[in-house]
Amino acid sequence: MSELGPIFRALLRNKVGAFLLALQIALTMTIMVNAIHMIENRSSMMARPSGLDEANQFYLSSNGYAENFNERAVVEEDLRNIRALPGIVDVTQINAIPLSGGGWSMGLQTEPGEDKPSVGVAVYFVDDHGIDAFGVNLIAGENFSPTEITYRQRNEQGWPQNIIVTEAMAKELFPDLAPAQIIGKTAYIGGDEPMTITGVIDQLQAPWVGWSGVERVMLVPQRTEFRSSRYFIRTEPGQRDRMMKEVEEMLVAEDRGRLIRSVRTMEETRDDSYRSYSALQTILWIIVIILTIITALGIVGMVTFSVNRRRKQIGTRRALGASRFDIMKHFMLENFLVTSAGLVLGVGSSIALNIWLVDAFSLPRIGWYYIPVAMVILWVVGQAAVFGPARKASQISPALATRTA
């Protein structure tokens, strides 16, 4: 405690430098806390299971160009031929690919009327093989029957009678009911068109990975007739790469006035969808590291400047009996106080920035543990940065006190 008086007096003589360093530490802490929070948030989003059997799934597009192209006949024959191949688990025609970034969405509500609140839901048009092709589990109700499957024209406005929804969508519509209890319940689409929920699947993600309702999905028993089809294919374990080539070659060999393109795996699609998240994480880590280094260099510079200004004073203290350890302790304690003042400011600014990010970008609030962890890291960085200049100060000779300026 006897050291605090001289330390405070020394800081007051260089209060501008100390204040600027404290502000720099506060800024570093603010950005560090929120950047690492964003990195962890993105990591948790990237790690979310999609509900799919991604390692064994791929998809492709079939685009008709001939004037007499009969998409309905082509699709039905393609599906039969693909399902007959050894190594194929199942295939379905689909309007959009999960995690791909592009698809259909609608609003479902539990009461009819355009003025009633609705819940956004991603829409996948599939046939009775959709559940097996996805690799998802039916946890309540039943799958579509082959007789339910109809064809949807490009400008069609109506909807089939029955739908299957994910468990997340079921809870959003009927939060107080278990999945089995919503079987037979009616949801309304487009304000007043009724649809009956006949099944609930455990999990399936929408095409938009950044959407807060990414788990809200409904399956509709329809195939599309748009002259452009996507086939979503699931293979036996370890057979995906072989079957990708075999399926493509088989479809290309059938000259039906169409082109086969965009043969891709679900793993590639996941990587592409989260590429911006990975890039953001890298940028944020670089920012955190650079700011930490700059802060450490700022501490080194300020302490070095202070040591050079106070060389004669340090020599006098050494002549009066202060040990090298006493000199080092003085500067390290001085830096600890400046760092602590900056961290106290950083606590408030970190929370304020997070509140703004929550309001502006719908990010979750930071966990309580981020702040103490950041404080410990910056305390360690501060003490490590001051060690070199403090050690140099401790080596100043007591004879310097006898020299004249």
Protein backbone atom coordinates (compact mmCIF):
# COMPACT_ATOMS: atom_id res chain seq x y z
CA MET A 1 0.00 0.00 0.00
CA SER A 2 2.94 2.36 0.63
CA GLU A 3 3.66 2.17 -3.12
CA LEU A 4 0.29 3.61 -4.14
CA GLY A 5 1.03 7.23 -3.19
CA PRO A 6 4.12 7.61 -5.38
CA ILE A 7 2.41 5.69 -8.18
CA PHE A 8 -0.65 7.97 -8.20
CA ARG A 9 1.59 11.06 -8.13
CA ALA A 10 3.58 9.68 -11.07
CA LEU A 11 0.40 8.99 -13.01
CA LEU A 12 -0.90 12.50 -12.34
CA ARG A 13 2.28 13.93 -13.84
CA ASN A 14 1.53 11.97 -17.02
CA LYS A 15 -2.24 11.82 -16.77
CA VAL A 16 -2.86 12.36 -20.49
CA GLY A 17 -0.73 9.37 -21.48
CA ALA A 18 -2.27 7.20 -18.78
CA PHE A 19 -5.79 8.23 -19.77
CA LEU A 20 -5.17 7.53 -23.46
CA LEU A 21 -3.71 4.12 -22.63
CA ALA A 22 -6.72 3.31 -20.44
CA LEU A 23 -9.02 4.28 -23.33
CA GLN A 24 -7.04 2.06 -25.69
CA ILE A 25 -7.38 -0.86 -23.30
CA ALA A 26 -11.13 -0.18 -22.94
CA LEU A 27 -11.51 -0.13 -26.74
CA THR A 28 -9.55 -3.36 -27.09
CA MET A 29 -11.66 -5.06 -24.46
CA THR A 30 -14.91 -3.84 -26.03
CA ILE A 31 -13.98 -5.18 -29.46
CA MET A 32 -12.43 -8.37 -28.05
CA VAL A 33 -15.51 -9.31 -26.02
CA ASN A 34 -18.00 -8.69 -28.81
CA ALA A 35 -15.80 -10.12 -31.56
CA ILE A 36 -15.22 -13.39 -29.69
CA HIS A 37 -18.93 -13.51 -28.88
CA MET A 38 -19.72 -13.15 -32.60
CA ILE A 39 -17.14 -15.81 -33.46
CA GLU A 40 -18.68 -18.27 -31.00
CA ASN A 41 -22.17 -17.41 -32.23
CA ARG A 42 -21.16 -18.10 -35.83
CA SER A 43 -19.42 -21.32 -34.79
CA SER A 44 -22.56 -22.58 -33.06
CA MET A 45 -24.62 -21.74 -36.14
CA MET A 46 -22.18 -23.53 -38.43
CA ALA A 47 -22.27 -26.59 -36.18
CA ARG A 48 -26.08 -26.88 -36.23
CA PRO A 49 -27.23 -30.24 -37.63
CA SER A 50 -29.37 -29.83 -40.72
CA GLY A 51 -31.31 -33.05 -40.13
CA LEU A 52 -29.98 -34.41 -43.43
CA ASP A 53 -27.69 -37.34 -44.16
CA GLU A 54 -25.26 -34.85 -45.71
CA ALA A 55 -22.31 -37.20 -46.19
CA ASN A 56 -24.40 -39.41 -48.50
CA GLN A 57 -26.46 -36.86 -50.43
CA PHE A 58 -26.12 -34.94 -53.65
CA TYR A 59 -28.40 -33.20 -56.10
CA LEU A 60 -28.53 -32.13 -59.74
CA SER A 61 -30.63 -30.09 -62.12
CA SER A 62 -32.46 -31.25 -65.23
CA ASN A 63 -33.35 -28.40 -67.60
CA GLY A 64 -35.58 -29.02 -70.59
CA TYR A 65 -34.94 -27.06 -73.80
CA ALA A 66 -36.74 -29.00 -76.53
CA GLU A 67 -40.11 -27.66 -77.73
CA ASN A 68 -41.75 -31.05 -77.21
CA PHE A 69 -40.15 -31.58 -73.80
CA ASN A 70 -42.58 -33.53 -71.62
CA GLU A 71 -41.33 -32.79 -68.13
CA ARG A 72 -43.88 -34.92 -66.34
CA ALA A 73 -42.95 -38.04 -68.26
CA VAL A 74 -39.23 -37.30 -68.01
CA VAL A 75 -39.35 -36.73 -64.24
CA GLU A 76 -41.31 -39.90 -63.55
CA GLU A 77 -38.95 -42.02 -65.65
CA ASP A 78 -35.86 -40.36 -64.19
CA LEU A 79 -37.01 -41.06 -60.66
CA ARG A 80 -37.77 -44.71 -61.47
CA ASN A 81 -34.38 -45.20 -63.13
CA ILE A 82 -32.41 -43.54 -60.35
CA ARG A 83 -34.20 -45.54 -57.62
CA ALA A 84 -33.40 -48.75 -59.49
CA LEU A 85 -29.65 -48.17 -59.34
CA PRO A 86 -27.72 -50.26 -56.78
CA GLY A 87 -26.31 -47.92 -54.13
CA ILE A 88 -29.25 -45.49 -54.18
CA VAL A 89 -31.38 -45.19 -51.04
CA ASP A 90 -33.97 -42.83 -52.52
CA VAL A 91 -34.54 -39.75 -54.64
CA THR A 92 -37.19 -37.05 -54.84
CA GLN A 93 -37.85 -34.13 -57.10
CA ILE A 94 -37.58 -30.92 -55.09
CA ASN A 95 -38.11 -27.22 -55.71
CA ALA A 96 -35.25 -25.95 -53.51
CA ILE A 97 -32.15 -27.33 -51.83
CA PRO A 98 -31.68 -27.05 -48.06
CA LEU A 99 -28.87 -24.68 -47.00
CA SER A 100 -28.48 -23.44 -50.58
CA GLY A 101 -29.58 -19.84 -50.03
CA GLY A 102 -32.53 -19.88 -52.43
CA GLY A 103 -36.01 -21.28 -52.00
CA TRP A 104 -39.70 -20.75 -51.28
CA SER A 105 -41.33 -19.39 -48.16
CA MET A 106 -44.88 -18.75 -47.05
CA GLY A 107 -46.74 -17.84 -43.89
CA LEU A 108 -48.87 -20.27 -41.87
CA GLN A 109 -51.42 -19.25 -39.26
CA THR A 110 -53.73 -21.07 -36.90
CA GLU A 111 -56.75 -18.87 -37.61
CA PRO A 112 -58.17 -17.81 -40.98
CA GLY A 113 -58.07 -14.18 -42.01
CA GLU A 114 -55.51 -11.93 -43.66
CA ASP A 115 -55.29 -9.83 -40.50
CA LYS A 116 -54.26 -12.79 -38.33
CA PRO A 117 -50.59 -13.27 -37.33
CA SER A 118 -48.65 -15.79 -39.39
CA VAL A 119 -45.41 -17.71 -38.95
CA GLY A 120 -42.88 -17.84 -41.77
CA VAL A 121 -42.07 -21.31 -43.07
CA ALA A 122 -39.79 -22.70 -45.78
CA VAL A 123 -41.62 -24.78 -48.39
CA TYR A 124 -40.27 -27.94 -50.02
CA PHE A 125 -42.32 -29.65 -52.73
CA VAL A 126 -41.60 -33.37 -52.51
CA ASP A 127 -43.26 -36.67 -53.28
CA ASP A 128 -43.84 -39.68 -51.02
CA HIS A 129 -40.10 -40.47 -51.19
CA GLY A 130 -39.05 -37.09 -49.77
CA ILE A 131 -38.64 -38.21 -46.16
CA ASP A 132 -36.38 -41.14 -47.11
CA ALA A 133 -34.39 -38.99 -49.54
CA PHE A 134 -33.77 -36.41 -46.80
CA GLY A 135 -32.95 -39.05 -44.21
CA VAL A 136 -35.20 -37.41 -41.60
CA ASN A 137 -37.39 -39.17 -39.06
CA LEU A 138 -41.18 -39.06 -38.93
CA ILE A 139 -41.97 -38.65 -35.22
CA ALA A 140 -45.76 -38.30 -35.48
CA GLY A 141 -48.45 -38.90 -38.08
CA GLU A 142 -47.82 -40.49 -41.46
CA ASN A 143 -45.97 -39.93 -44.70
CA PHE A 144 -47.65 -38.80 -47.92
CA SER A 145 -49.23 -41.55 -49.97
CA PRO A 146 -48.43 -41.92 -53.71
CA THR A 147 -52.01 -40.97 -54.58
CA GLU A 148 -51.61 -37.56 -52.87
CA ILE A 149 -48.82 -36.41 -55.17
CA THR A 150 -49.93 -33.86 -57.75
CA TYR A 151 -48.11 -31.61 -60.23
CA ARG A 152 -47.77 -27.88 -59.62
CA GLN A 153 -47.75 -25.48 -62.55
CA ARG A 154 -45.55 -22.39 -62.53
CA ASN A 155 -48.29 -19.86 -61.78
CA GLU A 156 -50.50 -22.08 -59.66
CA GLN A 157 -51.91 -20.42 -56.54
CA GLY A 158 -53.73 -23.25 -54.77
CA TRP A 159 -52.32 -25.68 -52.23
CA PRO A 160 -52.81 -29.39 -51.46
CA GLN A 161 -54.91 -30.47 -48.52
CA ASN A 162 -52.20 -32.17 -46.44
CA ILE A 163 -48.76 -31.07 -45.25
CA ILE A 164 -45.93 -32.36 -43.07
CA VAL A 165 -44.06 -29.92 -40.81
CA THR A 166 -40.91 -30.00 -38.71
CA GLU A 167 -41.14 -30.24 -34.95
CA ALA A 168 -39.85 -26.66 -34.67
CA MET A 169 -42.68 -25.43 -36.91
CA ALA A 170 -45.23 -27.46 -34.97
CA LYS A 171 -44.10 -25.85 -31.71
CA GLU A 172 -44.27 -22.40 -33.27
CA LEU A 173 -47.86 -22.94 -34.39
CA PHE A 174 -49.09 -24.91 -31.37
CA PRO A 175 -46.64 -24.29 -28.50
CA ASP A 176 -48.74 -26.09 -25.91
CA LEU A 177 -49.20 -29.33 -27.84
CA ALA A 178 -46.96 -32.35 -28.32
CA PRO A 179 -46.19 -33.38 -31.93
CA ALA A 180 -48.68 -36.25 -31.80
CA GLN A 181 -51.40 -33.86 -30.64
CA ILE A 182 -51.17 -31.57 -33.66
CA ILE A 183 -51.85 -34.35 -36.15
CA GLY A 184 -55.12 -33.43 -37.82
CA LYS A 185 -54.84 -29.77 -36.80
CA THR A 186 -55.57 -27.13 -39.43
CA ALA A 187 -53.17 -24.39 -40.49
CA TYR A 188 -54.07 -21.64 -42.95
CA ILE A 189 -51.92 -20.46 -45.81
CA GLY A 190 -52.46 -17.26 -47.74
CA GLY A 191 -54.85 -16.04 -45.08
CA ASP A 192 -57.76 -18.42 -45.49
CA GLU A 193 -56.78 -21.61 -47.36
CA PRO A 194 -56.87 -24.55 -44.92
CA MET A 195 -54.19 -27.25 -44.81
CA THR A 196 -54.21 -30.29 -42.54
CA ILE A 197 -51.05 -31.32 -40.69
CA THR A 198 -50.74 -35.07 -41.24
CA GLY A 199 -47.14 -35.60 -40.11
CA VAL A 200 -44.30 -34.16 -38.07
CA ILE A 201 -40.60 -34.78 -38.81
CA ASP A 202 -37.83 -34.29 -36.27
CA GLN A 203 -35.61 -31.77 -38.05
CA LEU A 204 -34.93 -30.20 -41.42
CA GLN A 205 -33.38 -26.84 -42.21
CA ALA A 206 -34.54 -24.14 -44.60
CA PRO A 207 -32.40 -22.89 -47.49
CA TRP A 208 -31.41 -19.73 -45.60
CA VAL A 209 -28.83 -20.45 -42.90
CA GLY A 210 -28.96 -16.90 -41.53
CA TRP A 211 -32.73 -16.96 -41.00
CA SER A 212 -33.88 -17.04 -37.38
CA GLY A 213 -36.55 -19.58 -38.36
CA VAL A 214 -34.15 -21.92 -40.13
CA GLU A 215 -35.75 -24.98 -38.48
CA ARG A 216 -39.28 -24.04 -39.62
CA VAL A 217 -40.07 -26.16 -42.68
CA MET A 218 -43.12 -27.74 -44.28
CA LEU A 219 -43.28 -30.48 -46.91
CA VAL A 220 -45.95 -30.25 -49.60
CA PRO A 221 -46.98 -33.34 -51.63
CA GLN A 222 -46.34 -31.96 -55.11
CA ARG A 223 -43.91 -32.22 -57.96
CA THR A 224 -43.18 -29.12 -59.99
CA GLU A 225 -43.70 -28.79 -63.72
CA PHE A 226 -41.50 -25.79 -64.53
CA ARG A 227 -39.33 -27.32 -67.33
CA SER A 228 -36.54 -27.29 -64.79
CA SER A 229 -36.26 -29.99 -62.12
CA ARG A 230 -33.96 -30.67 -59.20
CA TYR A 231 -33.38 -34.22 -58.02
CA PHE A 232 -32.31 -34.70 -54.42
CA ILE A 233 -30.56 -38.05 -54.06
CA ARG A 234 -29.45 -40.09 -51.07
CA THR A 235 -27.02 -42.99 -51.43
CA GLU A 236 -25.84 -45.88 -49.36
CA PRO A 237 -22.95 -44.94 -47.03
CA GLY A 238 -19.70 -44.51 -48.95
CA GLN A 239 -21.40 -44.70 -52.37
CA ARG A 240 -22.06 -41.00 -52.99
CA ASP A 241 -19.08 -40.14 -55.21
CA ARG A 242 -19.53 -43.22 -57.36
CA MET A 243 -23.26 -42.67 -57.72
CA MET A 244 -22.85 -39.00 -58.63
CA LYS A 245 -20.89 -39.99 -61.71
CA GLU A 246 -23.14 -42.95 -62.53
CA VAL A 247 -26.41 -41.02 -62.20
CA GLU A 248 -25.12 -38.12 -64.28
CA GLU A 249 -23.88 -40.43 -67.03
CA MET A 250 -27.17 -42.31 -67.09
CA LEU A 251 -29.30 -39.14 -67.38
CA VAL A 252 -27.01 -37.57 -70.00
CA ALA A 253 -27.17 -40.75 -72.08
CA GLU A 254 -30.96 -40.46 -72.30
CA ASP A 255 -31.48 -37.89 -75.04
CA ARG A 256 -34.71 -36.25 -73.88
CA GLY A 257 -34.17 -32.65 -74.91
CA ARG A 258 -32.74 -31.55 -71.60
CA LEU A 259 -29.44 -30.64 -69.99
CA ILE A 260 -27.99 -32.09 -66.77
CA ARG A 261 -25.97 -29.63 -64.71
CA SER A 262 -25.11 -28.46 -61.17
CA VAL A 263 -24.22 -31.88 -59.79
CA ARG A 264 -23.19 -31.05 -56.22
CA THR A 265 -22.90 -32.67 -52.82
CA MET A 266 -24.66 -31.39 -49.72
CA GLU A 267 -21.29 -31.02 -48.03
CA GLU A 268 -20.21 -28.60 -50.76
CA THR A 269 -23.46 -26.70 -50.35
CA ARG A 270 -22.97 -26.44 -46.58
CA ASP A 271 -19.42 -25.16 -47.06
CA ASP A 272 -20.59 -22.53 -49.56
CA SER A 273 -23.48 -21.43 -47.37
CA TYR A 274 -21.25 -20.85 -44.38
CA ARG A 275 -18.28 -19.45 -46.30
CA SER A 276 -19.13 -15.89 -45.31
CA TYR A 277 -19.34 -17.00 -41.67
CA SER A 278 -15.87 -18.55 -41.88
CA ALA A 279 -14.51 -15.39 -43.52
CA LEU A 280 -16.07 -13.22 -40.81
CA GLN A 281 -14.54 -15.39 -38.10
CA THR A 282 -11.09 -15.06 -39.69
CA ILE A 283 -11.44 -11.28 -39.98
CA LEU A 284 -12.60 -10.94 -36.38
CA TRP A 285 -9.72 -13.07 -35.09
CA ILE A 286 -7.25 -10.94 -37.04
CA ILE A 287 -8.79 -7.77 -35.61
CA VAL A 288 -8.63 -9.12 -32.04
CA ILE A 289 -5.01 -10.22 -32.43
CA ILE A 290 -3.91 -6.95 -34.05
CA LEU A 291 -5.67 -4.84 -31.43
CA THR A 292 -4.10 -6.90 -28.64
CA ILE A 293 -0.64 -6.48 -30.16
CA ILE A 294 -1.18 -2.72 -30.64
CA THR A 295 -2.33 -2.42 -27.03
CA ALA A 296 0.72 -4.33 -25.81
CA LEU A 297 2.99 -2.09 -27.90
CA GLY A 298 1.20 0.96 -26.49
CA ILE A 299 1.95 -0.24 -22.96
CA VAL A 300 5.59 -0.88 -23.87
CA GLY A 301 5.89 2.58 -25.40
CA MET A 302 4.29 4.39 -22.48
CA VAL A 303 6.33 2.59 -19.83
CA THR A 304 9.56 3.02 -21.82
CA PHE A 305 8.85 6.74 -22.15
CA SER A 306 8.12 6.94 -18.42
CA VAL A 307 11.33 5.10 -17.55
CA ASN A 308 13.43 7.39 -19.74
CA ARG A 309 11.89 10.47 -18.13
CA ARG A 310 12.44 9.19 -14.62
CA ARG A 311 15.91 7.69 -14.88
CA LYS A 312 17.44 10.01 -12.30
CA GLN A 313 14.47 9.46 -9.95
CA ILE A 314 14.91 5.71 -10.32
CA GLY A 315 18.64 6.07 -9.64
CA THR A 316 17.87 8.06 -6.50
CA ARG A 317 15.50 5.35 -5.25
CA ARG A 318 18.14 2.74 -5.91
CA ALA A 319 20.69 4.83 -4.00
CA LEU A 320 18.27 5.06 -1.09
CA GLY A 321 18.07 1.30 -0.86
CA ALA A 322 15.32 0.22 -3.30
CA SER A 323 16.03 -3.18 -4.78
CA ARG A 324 15.67 -4.12 -8.41
CA PHE A 325 12.51 -6.01 -7.48
CA ASP A 326 11.08 -2.85 -5.87
CA ILE A 327 11.63 -0.88 -9.11
CA MET A 328 10.03 -3.62 -11.22
CA LYS A 329 7.13 -3.93 -8.82
CA HIS A 330 6.55 -0.15 -8.98
CA PHE A 331 6.16 -0.08 -12.75
CA MET A 332 4.16 -3.29 -12.93
CA LEU A 333 1.77 -2.09 -10.26
CA GLU A 334 1.49 1.27 -12.02
CA ASN A 335 0.57 -0.47 -15.25
CA PHE A 336 -1.84 -2.77 -13.40
CA LEU A 337 -3.74 0.25 -12.12
CA VAL A 338 -3.91 1.87 -15.57
CA THR A 339 -4.99 -1.42 -17.13
CA SER A 340 -7.63 -1.93 -14.44
CA ALA A 341 -9.04 1.55 -15.05
CA GLY A 342 -9.25 0.78 -18.75
CA LEU A 343 -10.94 -2.56 -18.08
CA VAL A 344 -13.55 -0.93 -15.86
CA LEU A 345 -14.38 1.43 -18.74
CA GLY A 346 -14.30 -1.58 -21.07
CA VAL A 347 -16.94 -3.45 -19.07
CA GLY A 348 -19.47 -0.68 -19.63
CA SER A 349 -18.58 -0.14 -23.28
CA SER A 350 -18.63 -3.90 -23.99
CA ILE A 351 -22.15 -4.21 -22.63
CA ALA A 352 -23.28 -1.06 -24.45
CA LEU A 353 -21.93 -2.31 -27.79
CA ASN A 354 -23.56 -5.70 -27.29
CA ILE A 355 -26.93 -4.07 -26.57
CA TRP A 356 -26.61 -2.15 -29.84
CA LEU A 357 -25.64 -5.32 -31.76
CA VAL A 358 -28.61 -7.17 -30.27
CA ASP A 359 -30.99 -4.41 -31.40
CA ALA A 360 -29.40 -3.80 -34.79
CA PHE A 361 -28.51 -7.34 -35.90
CA SER A 362 -30.58 -9.61 -33.63
CA LEU A 363 -27.47 -11.17 -32.10
CA PRO A 364 -27.84 -12.96 -28.76
CA ARG A 365 -26.60 -11.25 -25.63
CA ILE A 366 -23.06 -11.96 -24.50
CA GLY A 367 -22.57 -14.56 -21.79
CA TRP A 368 -21.47 -13.26 -18.39
CA TYR A 369 -18.19 -15.17 -18.60
CA TYR A 370 -16.88 -13.21 -21.62
CA ILE A 371 -16.12 -10.12 -19.53
CA PRO A 372 -14.01 -11.71 -16.74
CA VAL A 373 -12.15 -13.84 -19.29
CA ALA A 374 -11.33 -10.75 -21.39
CA MET A 375 -10.21 -8.88 -18.27
CA VAL A 376 -7.85 -11.69 -17.25
CA ILE A 377 -6.41 -11.88 -20.79
CA LEU A 378 -5.75 -8.15 -20.93
CA TRP A 379 -4.30 -8.10 -17.41
CA VAL A 380 -1.87 -10.84 -18.46
CA VAL A 381 -1.05 -9.03 -21.73
CA GLY A 382 -0.49 -5.79 -19.81
CA GLN A 383 1.85 -7.37 -17.28
CA ALA A 384 3.75 -9.24 -19.99
CA ALA A 385 4.12 -6.01 -22.00
CA VAL A 386 5.43 -4.01 -19.04
CA PHE A 387 7.89 -6.68 -17.91
CA GLY A 388 10.63 -5.71 -20.37
CA PRO A 389 10.66 -1.93 -19.70
CA ALA A 390 10.27 -2.55 -15.94
CA ARG A 391 13.24 -4.91 -15.98
CA LYS A 392 15.26 -2.32 -17.88
CA ALA A 393 14.31 0.29 -15.27
CA SER A 394 15.45 -2.02 -12.48
CA GLN A 395 18.94 -2.18 -14.02
CA ILE A 396 19.50 1.58 -13.76
CA SER A 397 22.58 2.19 -11.61
CA PRO A 398 22.29 4.03 -8.25
CA ALA A 399 25.28 6.13 -9.40
CA LEU A 400 22.95 7.94 -11.83
CA ALA A 401 21.51 9.85 -8.85
CA THR A 402 24.86 11.67 -8.37
CA ARG A 403 25.05 12.93 -11.94
CA THR A 404 23.95 16.43 -12.83
CA ALA A 405 21.58 17.06 -15.72
